[in-house]
Amino acid sequence: MKKSNLVYSTDQGRLCPECEQALENCNCQQNQILGDGKVSIKLETKGRKGKGVTLVQGLALTLDDMKILGKKLKAQCGTGGAVKDGAIEIQGDNRQKIKELLLKEGFSSKITG
């Protein structure tokens, strides 16, 4: 049962709506599968001052597994990146390389946009 409507605290930052813990310490998000299994790979430049970022969305993985896969993709592409909002962001236009790497990991994917 939700106790309050608090979604942000200056002490802890963003809070989980379920357990009201900081997102870094949240246990209910750790085991939750984030994606729907329809993996799409796209290049996005909006809001990044023209710099391209390859987004991998729709992976049916938990947050921890997504971070591990993101680390592998970053290492194979030789670039930086992050895992944000249930998507893996890889710097630069690496769509084809990521598609091949995901196929090796057992994910079928589609290049969109």
PDB file of N, CA and C in Angstrom:
ATOM      1  N   MET A   1       0.841  -1.173   0.000  1.00  0.00           N
ATOM      2  CA  MET A   1       0.000   0.000   0.000  1.00  0.00           C
ATOM      3  C   MET A   1       0.886   1.236   0.000  1.00  0.00           C
ATOM      4  N   LYS A   2       0.572   2.147  -0.868  1.00  0.00           N
ATOM      5  CA  LYS A   2       1.350   3.364  -0.993  1.00  0.00           C
ATOM      6  C   LYS A   2       1.043   4.295   0.179  1.00  0.00           C
ATOM      7  N   LYS A   3       2.097   4.771   0.830  1.00  0.00           N
ATOM      8  CA  LYS A   3       1.924   5.590   2.019  1.00  0.00           C
ATOM      9  C   LYS A   3       1.741   7.066   1.700  1.00  0.00           C
ATOM     10  N   SER A   4       2.495   7.563   0.715  1.00  0.00           N
ATOM     11  CA  SER A   4       2.428   8.981   0.395  1.00  0.00           C
ATOM     12  C   SER A   4       2.606   9.176  -1.108  1.00  0.00           C
ATOM     13  N   ASN A   5       2.483  10.382  -1.555  1.00  0.00           N
ATOM     14  CA  ASN A   5       2.635  10.722  -2.965  1.00  0.00           C
ATOM     15  C   ASN A   5       4.031  11.250  -3.273  1.00  0.00           C
ATOM     16  N   LEU A   6       4.975  11.012  -2.404  1.00  0.00           N
ATOM     17  CA  LEU A   6       6.335  11.497  -2.567  1.00  0.00           C
ATOM     18  C   LEU A   6       7.030  10.747  -3.706  1.00  0.00           C
ATOM     19  N   VAL A   7       7.545  11.492  -4.703  1.00  0.00           N
ATOM     20  CA  VAL A   7       8.254  10.869  -5.820  1.00  0.00           C
ATOM     21  C   VAL A   7       9.704  11.327  -5.917  1.00  0.00           C
ATOM     22  N   TYR A   8      10.075  12.355  -5.157  1.00  0.00           N
ATOM     23  CA  TYR A   8      11.442  12.857  -5.199  1.00  0.00           C
ATOM     24  C   TYR A   8      11.805  13.388  -3.826  1.00  0.00           C
ATOM     25  N   SER A   9      13.003  13.098  -3.402  1.00  0.00           N
ATOM     26  CA  SER A   9      13.508  13.601  -2.142  1.00  0.00           C
ATOM     27  C   SER A   9      14.887  14.187  -2.387  1.00  0.00           C
ATOM     28  N   THR A  10      15.170  15.345  -1.789  1.00  0.00           N
ATOM     29  CA  THR A  10      16.483  15.954  -1.978  1.00  0.00           C
ATOM     30  C   THR A  10      17.573  15.131  -1.305  1.00  0.00           C
ATOM     31  N   ASP A  11      17.214  14.313  -0.342  1.00  0.00           N
ATOM     32  CA  ASP A  11      18.189  13.454   0.324  1.00  0.00           C
ATOM     33  C   ASP A  11      18.552  12.238  -0.526  1.00  0.00           C
ATOM     34  N   GLN A  12      17.547  11.638  -1.197  1.00  0.00           N
ATOM     35  CA  GLN A  12      17.751  10.375  -1.888  1.00  0.00           C
ATOM     36  C   GLN A  12      17.623  10.470  -3.397  1.00  0.00           C
ATOM     37  N   GLY A  13      17.082  11.535  -3.931  1.00  0.00           N
ATOM     38  CA  GLY A  13      16.848  11.640  -5.368  1.00  0.00           C
ATOM     39  C   GLY A  13      15.521  10.997  -5.746  1.00  0.00           C
ATOM     40  N   ARG A  14      15.434  10.380  -6.940  1.00  0.00           N
ATOM     41  CA  ARG A  14      14.208   9.739  -7.402  1.00  0.00           C
ATOM     42  C   ARG A  14      13.859   8.535  -6.538  1.00  0.00           C
ATOM     43  N   LEU A  15      12.563   8.378  -6.243  1.00  0.00           N
ATOM     44  CA  LEU A  15      12.091   7.293  -5.400  1.00  0.00           C
ATOM     45  C   LEU A  15      11.223   6.337  -6.199  1.00  0.00           C
ATOM     46  N   CYS A  16      11.270   5.076  -5.829  1.00  0.00           N
ATOM     47  CA  CYS A  16      10.427   4.049  -6.442  1.00  0.00           C
ATOM     48  C   CYS A  16       8.991   4.262  -5.961  1.00  0.00           C
ATOM     49  N   PRO A  17       7.997   4.237  -6.854  1.00  0.00           N
ATOM     50  CA  PRO A  17       6.612   4.447  -6.422  1.00  0.00           C
ATOM     51  C   PRO A  17       6.056   3.292  -5.590  1.00  0.00           C
ATOM     52  N   GLU A  18       6.643   2.103  -5.701  1.00  0.00           N
ATOM     53  CA  GLU A  18       6.130   0.940  -4.970  1.00  0.00           C
ATOM     54  C   GLU A  18       6.660   0.880  -3.540  1.00  0.00           C
ATOM     55  N   CYS A  19       7.982   0.892  -3.387  1.00  0.00           N
ATOM     56  CA  CYS A  19       8.568   0.702  -2.061  1.00  0.00           C
ATOM     57  C   CYS A  19       9.061   2.005  -1.428  1.00  0.00           C
ATOM     58  N   GLU A  20       9.030   3.108  -2.174  1.00  0.00           N
ATOM     59  CA  GLU A  20       9.443   4.435  -1.717  1.00  0.00           C
ATOM     60  C   GLU A  20      10.904   4.480  -1.250  1.00  0.00           C
ATOM     61  N   GLN A  21      11.737   3.649  -1.833  1.00  0.00           N
ATOM     62  CA  GLN A  21      13.178   3.682  -1.603  1.00  0.00           C
ATOM     63  C   GLN A  21      13.819   4.408  -2.775  1.00  0.00           C
ATOM     64  N   ALA A  22      15.073   4.830  -2.602  1.00  0.00           N
ATOM     65  CA  ALA A  22      15.801   5.440  -3.712  1.00  0.00           C
ATOM     66  C   ALA A  22      15.923   4.414  -4.834  1.00  0.00           C
ATOM     67  N   LEU A  23      15.882   4.866  -6.099  1.00  0.00           N
ATOM     68  CA  LEU A  23      15.913   3.943  -7.234  1.00  0.00           C
ATOM     69  C   LEU A  23      17.151   3.057  -7.225  1.00  0.00           C
ATOM     70  N   GLU A  24      18.273   3.547  -6.702  1.00  0.00           N
ATOM     71  CA  GLU A  24      19.483   2.742  -6.630  1.00  0.00           C
ATOM     72  C   GLU A  24      19.332   1.601  -5.629  1.00  0.00           C
ATOM     73  N   ASN A  25      18.520   1.794  -4.586  1.00  0.00           N
ATOM     74  CA  ASN A  25      18.351   0.796  -3.533  1.00  0.00           C
ATOM     75  C   ASN A  25      17.064  -0.001  -3.661  1.00  0.00           C
ATOM     76  N   CYS A  26      16.310   0.228  -4.705  1.00  0.00           N
ATOM     77  CA  CYS A  26      14.999  -0.397  -4.870  1.00  0.00           C
ATOM     78  C   CYS A  26      15.143  -1.885  -5.190  1.00  0.00           C
ATOM     79  N   ASN A  27      14.433  -2.723  -4.447  1.00  0.00           N
ATOM     80  CA  ASN A  27      14.469  -4.166  -4.679  1.00  0.00           C
ATOM     81  C   ASN A  27      13.360  -4.625  -5.602  1.00  0.00           C
ATOM     82  N   CYS A  28      12.268  -3.904  -5.686  1.00  0.00           N
ATOM     83  CA  CYS A  28      11.152  -4.349  -6.525  1.00  0.00           C
ATOM     84  C   CYS A  28      11.449  -4.140  -8.009  1.00  0.00           C
ATOM     85  N   GLN A  29      12.347  -3.224  -8.378  1.00  0.00           N
ATOM     86  CA  GLN A  29      12.702  -2.994  -9.772  1.00  0.00           C
ATOM     87  C   GLN A  29      13.788  -3.958 -10.258  1.00  0.00           C
ATOM     88  N   GLN A  30      14.543  -4.553  -9.340  1.00  0.00           N
ATOM     89  CA  GLN A  30      15.684  -5.383  -9.721  1.00  0.00           C
ATOM     90  C   GLN A  30      15.265  -6.630 -10.495  1.00  0.00           C
ATOM     91  N   ASN A  31      14.178  -7.267 -10.106  1.00  0.00           N
ATOM     92  CA  ASN A  31      13.775  -8.528 -10.715  1.00  0.00           C
ATOM     93  C   ASN A  31      12.659  -8.367 -11.734  1.00  0.00           C
ATOM     94  N   GLN A  32      12.288  -7.157 -12.049  1.00  0.00           N
ATOM     95  CA  GLN A  32      11.206  -6.902 -12.986  1.00  0.00           C
ATOM     96  C   GLN A  32      11.753  -6.878 -14.415  1.00  0.00           C
ATOM     97  N   ILE A  33      11.066  -7.596 -15.320  1.00  0.00           N
ATOM     98  CA  ILE A  33      11.465  -7.592 -16.729  1.00  0.00           C
ATOM     99  C   ILE A  33      10.950  -6.305 -17.356  1.00  0.00           C
ATOM    100  N   LEU A  34      11.854  -5.568 -18.012  1.00  0.00           N
ATOM    101  CA  LEU A  34      11.528  -4.230 -18.481  1.00  0.00           C
ATOM    102  C   LEU A  34      10.931  -4.202 -19.880  1.00  0.00           C
ATOM    103  N   GLY A  35      11.435  -4.986 -20.816  1.00  0.00           N
ATOM    104  CA  GLY A  35      10.996  -4.902 -22.205  1.00  0.00           C
ATOM    105  C   GLY A  35       9.911  -5.904 -22.548  1.00  0.00           C
ATOM    106  N   ASP A  36       9.420  -5.808 -23.794  1.00  0.00           N
ATOM    107  CA  ASP A  36       8.364  -6.693 -24.258  1.00  0.00           C
ATOM    108  C   ASP A  36       8.869  -7.776 -25.199  1.00  0.00           C
ATOM    109  N   GLY A  37      10.155  -7.790 -25.507  1.00  0.00           N
ATOM    110  CA  GLY A  37      10.726  -8.804 -26.369  1.00  0.00           C
ATOM    111  C   GLY A  37      10.838  -8.409 -27.828  1.00  0.00           C
ATOM    112  N   LYS A  38      10.224  -7.300 -28.220  1.00  0.00           N
ATOM    113  CA  LYS A  38      10.333  -6.787 -29.589  1.00  0.00           C
ATOM    114  C   LYS A  38      11.500  -5.803 -29.626  1.00  0.00           C
ATOM    115  N   VAL A  39      12.663  -6.315 -29.968  1.00  0.00           N
ATOM    116  CA  VAL A  39      13.891  -5.524 -29.887  1.00  0.00           C
ATOM    117  C   VAL A  39      14.019  -4.643 -31.125  1.00  0.00           C
ATOM    118  N   SER A  40      14.169  -3.348 -30.894  1.00  0.00           N
ATOM    119  CA  SER A  40      14.379  -2.409 -31.987  1.00  0.00           C
ATOM    120  C   SER A  40      15.667  -1.623 -31.737  1.00  0.00           C
ATOM    121  N   ILE A  41      16.376  -1.370 -32.828  1.00  0.00           N
ATOM    122  CA  ILE A  41      17.641  -0.628 -32.773  1.00  0.00           C
ATOM    123  C   ILE A  41      17.456   0.614 -33.627  1.00  0.00           C
ATOM    124  N   LYS A  42      17.685   1.785 -33.047  1.00  0.00           N
ATOM    125  CA  LYS A  42      17.519   3.008 -33.839  1.00  0.00           C
ATOM    126  C   LYS A  42      18.567   4.038 -33.469  1.00  0.00           C
ATOM    127  N   LEU A  43      18.791   4.947 -34.404  1.00  0.00           N
ATOM    128  CA  LEU A  43      19.722   6.046 -34.202  1.00  0.00           C
ATOM    129  C   LEU A  43      18.917   7.268 -33.798  1.00  0.00           C
ATOM    130  N   GLU A  44      19.325   7.903 -32.725  1.00  0.00           N
ATOM    131  CA  GLU A  44      18.618   9.080 -32.240  1.00  0.00           C
ATOM    132  C   GLU A  44      19.596  10.222 -32.050  1.00  0.00           C
ATOM    133  N   THR A  45      19.221  11.404 -32.540  1.00  0.00           N
ATOM    134  CA  THR A  45      20.054  12.595 -32.372  1.00  0.00           C
ATOM    135  C   THR A  45      19.302  13.702 -31.640  1.00  0.00           C
ATOM    136  N   LYS A  46      18.023  13.521 -31.429  1.00  0.00           N
ATOM    137  CA  LYS A  46      17.188  14.549 -30.815  1.00  0.00           C
ATOM    138  C   LYS A  46      17.641  14.829 -29.379  1.00  0.00           C
ATOM    139  N   GLY A  47      17.875  16.098 -29.076  1.00  0.00           N
ATOM    140  CA  GLY A  47      18.252  16.505 -27.733  1.00  0.00           C
ATOM    141  C   GLY A  47      19.697  16.226 -27.382  1.00  0.00           C
ATOM    142  N   ARG A  48      20.523  15.912 -28.380  1.00  0.00           N
ATOM    143  CA  ARG A  48      21.922  15.583 -28.121  1.00  0.00           C
ATOM    144  C   ARG A  48      22.867  16.458 -28.931  1.00  0.00           C
ATOM    145  N   LYS A  49      22.401  17.608 -29.333  1.00  0.00           N
ATOM    146  CA  LYS A  49      23.190  18.578 -30.097  1.00  0.00           C
ATOM    147  C   LYS A  49      23.767  17.973 -31.374  1.00  0.00           C
ATOM    148  N   GLY A  50      22.986  17.132 -32.047  1.00  0.00           N
ATOM    149  CA  GLY A  50      23.393  16.557 -33.320  1.00  0.00           C
ATOM    150  C   GLY A  50      24.242  15.306 -33.226  1.00  0.00           C
ATOM    151  N   LYS A  51      24.627  14.928 -32.029  1.00  0.00           N
ATOM    152  CA  LYS A  51      25.441  13.726 -31.861  1.00  0.00           C
ATOM    153  C   LYS A  51      24.536  12.498 -31.870  1.00  0.00           C
ATOM    154  N   GLY A  52      24.922  11.476 -32.588  1.00  0.00           N
ATOM    155  CA  GLY A  52      24.101  10.283 -32.715  1.00  0.00           C
ATOM    156  C   GLY A  52      24.327   9.295 -31.585  1.00  0.00           C
ATOM    157  N   VAL A  53      23.229   8.677 -31.147  1.00  0.00           N
ATOM    158  CA  VAL A  53      23.264   7.643 -30.127  1.00  0.00           C
ATOM    159  C   VAL A  53      22.416   6.488 -30.636  1.00  0.00           C
ATOM    160  N   THR A  54      22.949   5.274 -30.567  1.00  0.00           N
ATOM    161  CA  THR A  54      22.203   4.092 -30.959  1.00  0.00           C
ATOM    162  C   THR A  54      21.425   3.594 -29.754  1.00  0.00           C
ATOM    163  N   LEU A  55      20.099   3.485 -29.903  1.00  0.00           N
ATOM    164  CA  LEU A  55      19.232   3.021 -28.825  1.00  0.00           C
ATOM    165  C   LEU A  55      18.796   1.593 -29.090  1.00  0.00           C
ATOM    166  N   VAL A  56      18.893   0.742 -28.092  1.00  0.00           N
ATOM    167  CA  VAL A  56      18.394  -0.631 -28.155  1.00  0.00           C
ATOM    168  C   VAL A  56      17.242  -0.711 -27.171  1.00  0.00           C
ATOM    169  N   GLN A  57      16.025  -0.882 -27.684  1.00  0.00           N
ATOM    170  CA  GLN A  57      14.828  -0.877 -26.845  1.00  0.00           C
ATOM    171  C   GLN A  57      14.083  -2.191 -26.982  1.00  0.00           C
ATOM    172  N   GLY A  58      13.299  -2.525 -25.961  1.00  0.00           N
ATOM    173  CA  GLY A  58      12.425  -3.679 -26.018  1.00  0.00           C
ATOM    174  C   GLY A  58      13.049  -4.988 -25.571  1.00  0.00           C
ATOM    175  N   LEU A  59      14.220  -4.954 -24.998  1.00  0.00           N
ATOM    176  CA  LEU A  59      14.851  -6.193 -24.526  1.00  0.00           C
ATOM    177  C   LEU A  59      14.091  -6.724 -23.318  1.00  0.00           C
ATOM    178  N   ALA A  60      13.719  -7.989 -23.353  1.00  0.00           N
ATOM    179  CA  ALA A  60      12.996  -8.617 -22.247  1.00  0.00           C
ATOM    180  C   ALA A  60      14.006  -9.115 -21.211  1.00  0.00           C
ATOM    181  N   LEU A  61      14.596  -8.168 -20.491  1.00  0.00           N
ATOM    182  CA  LEU A  61      15.619  -8.467 -19.497  1.00  0.00           C
ATOM    183  C   LEU A  61      15.345  -7.685 -18.224  1.00  0.00           C
ATOM    184  N   THR A  62      15.922  -8.148 -17.126  1.00  0.00           N
ATOM    185  CA  THR A  62      15.874  -7.374 -15.897  1.00  0.00           C
ATOM    186  C   THR A  62      16.906  -6.252 -15.984  1.00  0.00           C
ATOM    187  N   LEU A  63      16.850  -5.339 -15.070  1.00  0.00           N
ATOM    188  CA  LEU A  63      17.771  -4.203 -15.086  1.00  0.00           C
ATOM    189  C   LEU A  63      19.222  -4.657 -14.958  1.00  0.00           C
ATOM    190  N   ASP A  64      19.479  -5.622 -14.095  1.00  0.00           N
ATOM    191  CA  ASP A  64      20.850  -6.113 -13.912  1.00  0.00           C
ATOM    192  C   ASP A  64      21.369  -6.787 -15.182  1.00  0.00           C
ATOM    193  N   ASP A  65      20.526  -7.619 -15.812  1.00  0.00           N
ATOM    194  CA  ASP A  65      20.937  -8.283 -17.048  1.00  0.00           C
ATOM    195  C   ASP A  65      21.149  -7.270 -18.172  1.00  0.00           C
ATOM    196  N   MET A  66      20.337  -6.206 -18.177  1.00  0.00           N
ATOM    197  CA  MET A  66      20.478  -5.178 -19.202  1.00  0.00           C
ATOM    198  C   MET A  66      21.793  -4.421 -19.025  1.00  0.00           C
ATOM    199  N   LYS A  67      22.200  -4.191 -17.788  1.00  0.00           N
ATOM    200  CA  LYS A  67      23.479  -3.527 -17.535  1.00  0.00           C
ATOM    201  C   LYS A  67      24.645  -4.396 -17.993  1.00  0.00           C
ATOM    202  N   ILE A  68      24.543  -5.702 -17.774  1.00  0.00           N
ATOM    203  CA  ILE A  68      25.603  -6.621 -18.207  1.00  0.00           C
ATOM    204  C   ILE A  68      25.695  -6.643 -19.723  1.00  0.00           C
ATOM    205  N   LEU A  69      24.539  -6.741 -20.404  1.00  0.00           N
ATOM    206  CA  LEU A  69      24.530  -6.739 -21.864  1.00  0.00           C
ATOM    207  C   LEU A  69      25.028  -5.400 -22.411  1.00  0.00           C
ATOM    208  N   GLY A  70      24.642  -4.296 -21.769  1.00  0.00           N
ATOM    209  CA  GLY A  70      25.112  -2.973 -22.177  1.00  0.00           C
ATOM    210  C   GLY A  70      26.622  -2.862 -22.082  1.00  0.00           C
ATOM    211  N   LYS A  71      27.188  -3.438 -21.039  1.00  0.00           N
ATOM    212  CA  LYS A  71      28.648  -3.414 -20.870  1.00  0.00           C
ATOM    213  C   LYS A  71      29.331  -4.196 -21.983  1.00  0.00           C
ATOM    214  N   LYS A  72      28.754  -5.355 -22.360  1.00  0.00           N
ATOM    215  CA  LYS A  72      29.317  -6.147 -23.462  1.00  0.00           C
ATOM    216  C   LYS A  72      29.238  -5.381 -24.777  1.00  0.00           C
ATOM    217  N   LEU A  73      28.092  -4.745 -25.035  1.00  0.00           N
ATOM    218  CA  LEU A  73      27.920  -4.009 -26.290  1.00  0.00           C
ATOM    219  C   LEU A  73      28.884  -2.831 -26.373  1.00  0.00           C
ATOM    220  N   LYS A  74      29.059  -2.122 -25.265  1.00  0.00           N
ATOM    221  CA  LYS A  74      29.983  -0.994 -25.249  1.00  0.00           C
ATOM    222  C   LYS A  74      31.408  -1.457 -25.519  1.00  0.00           C
ATOM    223  N   ALA A  75      31.791  -2.583 -24.925  1.00  0.00           N
ATOM    224  CA  ALA A  75      33.146  -3.097 -25.122  1.00  0.00           C
ATOM    225  C   ALA A  75      33.366  -3.531 -26.566  1.00  0.00           C
ATOM    226  N   GLN A  76      32.386  -4.193 -27.163  1.00  0.00           N
ATOM    227  CA  GLN A  76      32.527  -4.665 -28.536  1.00  0.00           C
ATOM    228  C   GLN A  76      32.537  -3.512 -29.539  1.00  0.00           C
ATOM    229  N   CYS A  77      31.781  -2.450 -29.243  1.00  0.00           N
ATOM    230  CA  CYS A  77      31.728  -1.300 -30.153  1.00  0.00           C
ATOM    231  C   CYS A  77      32.881  -0.330 -29.903  1.00  0.00           C
ATOM    232  N   GLY A  78      33.513  -0.430 -28.746  1.00  0.00           N
ATOM    233  CA  GLY A  78      34.626   0.458 -28.426  1.00  0.00           C
ATOM    234  C   GLY A  78      34.188   1.877 -28.137  1.00  0.00           C
ATOM    235  N   THR A  79      32.979   2.035 -27.611  1.00  0.00           N
ATOM    236  CA  THR A  79      32.455   3.362 -27.298  1.00  0.00           C
ATOM    237  C   THR A  79      31.844   3.362 -25.911  1.00  0.00           C
ATOM    238  N   GLY A  80      31.374   4.520 -25.506  1.00  0.00           N
ATOM    239  CA  GLY A  80      30.696   4.649 -24.231  1.00  0.00           C
ATOM    240  C   GLY A  80      29.206   4.463 -24.401  1.00  0.00           C
ATOM    241  N   GLY A  81      28.502   4.532 -23.301  1.00  0.00           N
ATOM    242  CA  GLY A  81      27.057   4.406 -23.352  1.00  0.00           C
ATOM    243  C   GLY A  81      26.487   4.312 -21.953  1.00  0.00           C
ATOM    244  N   ALA A  82      25.189   4.017 -21.894  1.00  0.00           N
ATOM    245  CA  ALA A  82      24.498   3.939 -20.614  1.00  0.00           C
ATOM    246  C   ALA A  82      23.244   3.100 -20.764  1.00  0.00           C
ATOM    247  N   VAL A  83      22.687   2.709 -19.614  1.00  0.00           N
ATOM    248  CA  VAL A  83      21.384   2.057 -19.577  1.00  0.00           C
ATOM    249  C   VAL A  83      20.442   3.032 -18.895  1.00  0.00           C
ATOM    250  N   LYS A  84      19.447   3.526 -19.650  1.00  0.00           N
ATOM    251  CA  LYS A  84      18.501   4.506 -19.127  1.00  0.00           C
ATOM    252  C   LYS A  84      17.085   4.151 -19.555  1.00  0.00           C
ATOM    253  N   ASP A  85      16.150   4.247 -18.644  1.00  0.00           N
ATOM    254  CA  ASP A  85      14.719   4.092 -18.933  1.00  0.00           C
ATOM    255  C   ASP A  85      14.415   2.804 -19.689  1.00  0.00           C
ATOM    256  N   GLY A  86      15.039   1.715 -19.327  1.00  0.00           N
ATOM    257  CA  GLY A  86      14.768   0.436 -19.968  1.00  0.00           C
ATOM    258  C   GLY A  86      15.341   0.296 -21.358  1.00  0.00           C
ATOM    259  N   ALA A  87      16.304   1.134 -21.725  1.00  0.00           N
ATOM    260  CA  ALA A  87      16.938   1.071 -23.043  1.00  0.00           C
ATOM    261  C   ALA A  87      18.447   1.188 -22.865  1.00  0.00           C
ATOM    262  N   ILE A  88      19.173   0.583 -23.799  1.00  0.00           N
ATOM    263  CA  ILE A  88      20.632   0.685 -23.798  1.00  0.00           C
ATOM    264  C   ILE A  88      21.020   1.739 -24.819  1.00  0.00           C
ATOM    265  N   GLU A  89      21.809   2.713 -24.389  1.00  0.00           N
ATOM    266  CA  GLU A  89      22.299   3.767 -25.277  1.00  0.00           C
ATOM    267  C   GLU A  89      23.786   3.533 -25.540  1.00  0.00           C
ATOM    268  N   ILE A  90      24.145   3.471 -26.818  1.00  0.00           N
ATOM    269  CA  ILE A  90      25.541   3.316 -27.221  1.00  0.00           C
ATOM    270  C   ILE A  90      25.899   4.526 -28.073  1.00  0.00           C
ATOM    271  N   GLN A  91      26.998   5.184 -27.750  1.00  0.00           N
ATOM    272  CA  GLN A  91      27.389   6.386 -28.479  1.00  0.00           C
ATOM    273  C   GLN A  91      27.769   6.048 -29.920  1.00  0.00           C
ATOM    274  N   GLY A  92      27.336   6.897 -30.846  1.00  0.00           N
ATOM    275  CA  GLY A  92      27.686   6.743 -32.251  1.00  0.00           C
ATOM    276  C   GLY A  92      26.681   5.882 -33.009  1.00  0.00           C
ATOM    277  N   ASP A  93      26.897   5.781 -34.313  1.00  0.00           N
ATOM    278  CA  ASP A  93      26.026   4.995 -35.186  1.00  0.00           C
ATOM    279  C   ASP A  93      26.600   3.582 -35.306  1.00  0.00           C
ATOM    280  N   ASN A  94      26.157   2.682 -34.447  1.00  0.00           N
ATOM    281  CA  ASN A  94      26.637   1.305 -34.409  1.00  0.00           C
ATOM    282  C   ASN A  94      25.498   0.330 -34.627  1.00  0.00           C
ATOM    283  N   ARG A  95      24.491   0.710 -35.404  1.00  0.00           N
ATOM    284  CA  ARG A  95      23.292  -0.116 -35.550  1.00  0.00           C
ATOM    285  C   ARG A  95      23.593  -1.499 -36.109  1.00  0.00           C
ATOM    286  N   GLN A  96      24.356  -1.576 -37.184  1.00  0.00           N
ATOM    287  CA  GLN A  96      24.612  -2.870 -37.817  1.00  0.00           C
ATOM    288  C   GLN A  96      25.463  -3.767 -36.921  1.00  0.00           C
ATOM    289  N   LYS A  97      26.458  -3.190 -36.278  1.00  0.00           N
ATOM    290  CA  LYS A  97      27.332  -3.963 -35.393  1.00  0.00           C
ATOM    291  C   LYS A  97      26.541  -4.495 -34.198  1.00  0.00           C
ATOM    292  N   ILE A  98      25.660  -3.665 -33.638  1.00  0.00           N
ATOM    293  CA  ILE A  98      24.860  -4.086 -32.495  1.00  0.00           C
ATOM    294  C   ILE A  98      23.870  -5.167 -32.901  1.00  0.00           C
ATOM    295  N   LYS A  99      23.304  -5.054 -34.105  1.00  0.00           N
ATOM    296  CA  LYS A  99      22.381  -6.083 -34.583  1.00  0.00           C
ATOM    297  C   LYS A  99      23.085  -7.436 -34.651  1.00  0.00           C
ATOM    298  N   GLU A 100      24.306  -7.467 -35.169  1.00  0.00           N
ATOM    299  CA  GLU A 100      25.075  -8.708 -35.255  1.00  0.00           C
ATOM    300  C   GLU A 100      25.424  -9.241 -33.862  1.00  0.00           C
ATOM    301  N   LEU A 101      25.796  -8.360 -32.945  1.00  0.00           N
ATOM    302  CA  LEU A 101      26.141  -8.786 -31.591  1.00  0.00           C
ATOM    303  C   LEU A 101      24.931  -9.328 -30.847  1.00  0.00           C
ATOM    304  N   LEU A 102      23.768  -8.701 -31.042  1.00  0.00           N
ATOM    305  CA  LEU A 102      22.556  -9.195 -30.399  1.00  0.00           C
ATOM    306  C   LEU A 102      22.145 -10.546 -30.962  1.00  0.00           C
ATOM    307  N   LEU A 103      22.367 -10.755 -32.243  1.00  0.00           N
ATOM    308  CA  LEU A 103      22.059 -12.044 -32.856  1.00  0.00           C
ATOM    309  C   LEU A 103      22.931 -13.153 -32.242  1.00  0.00           C
ATOM    310  N   LYS A 104      24.198 -12.840 -31.975  1.00  0.00           N
ATOM    311  CA  LYS A 104      25.086 -13.797 -31.330  1.00  0.00           C
ATOM    312  C   LYS A 104      24.633 -14.101 -29.899  1.00  0.00           C
ATOM    313  N   GLU A 105      24.024 -13.106 -29.244  1.00  0.00           N
ATOM    314  CA  GLU A 105      23.543 -13.283 -27.859  1.00  0.00           C
ATOM    315  C   GLU A 105      22.175 -13.986 -27.829  1.00  0.00           C
ATOM    316  N   GLY A 106      21.554 -14.151 -28.998  1.00  0.00           N
ATOM    317  CA  GLY A 106      20.279 -14.869 -29.053  1.00  0.00           C
ATOM    318  C   GLY A 106      19.051 -13.983 -29.140  1.00  0.00           C
ATOM    319  N   PHE A 107      19.221 -12.706 -29.457  1.00  0.00           N
ATOM    320  CA  PHE A 107      18.095 -11.775 -29.596  1.00  0.00           C
ATOM    321  C   PHE A 107      17.871 -11.461 -31.058  1.00  0.00           C
ATOM    322  N   SER A 108      16.653 -11.642 -31.538  1.00  0.00           N
ATOM    323  CA  SER A 108      16.341 -11.176 -32.882  1.00  0.00           C
ATOM    324  C   SER A 108      15.934  -9.714 -32.766  1.00  0.00           C
ATOM    325  N   SER A 109      16.414  -8.899 -33.691  1.00  0.00           N
ATOM    326  CA  SER A 109      16.164  -7.468 -33.579  1.00  0.00           C
ATOM    327  C   SER A 109      15.851  -6.886 -34.941  1.00  0.00           C
ATOM    328  N   LYS A 110      15.370  -5.649 -34.932  1.00  0.00           N
ATOM    329  CA  LYS A 110      15.004  -4.952 -36.149  1.00  0.00           C
ATOM    330  C   LYS A 110      15.567  -3.546 -36.082  1.00  0.00           C
ATOM    331  N   ILE A 111      16.186  -3.099 -37.182  1.00  0.00           N
ATOM    332  CA  ILE A 111      16.697  -1.732 -37.243  1.00  0.00           C
ATOM    333  C   ILE A 111      15.559  -0.824 -37.682  1.00  0.00           C
ATOM    334  N   THR A 112      15.232   0.149 -36.849  1.00  0.00           N
ATOM    335  CA  THR A 112      14.181   1.111 -37.158  1.00  0.00           C
ATOM    336  C   THR A 112      14.769   2.504 -37.115  1.00  0.00           C
ATOM    337  N   GLY A 113      14.272   3.378 -37.947  1.00  0.00           N
ATOM    338  CA  GLY A 113      14.684   4.767 -37.945  1.00  0.00           C
ATOM    339  C   GLY A 113      16.074   5.044 -38.311  1.00  0.00           C
TER     340      GLY A 113
END
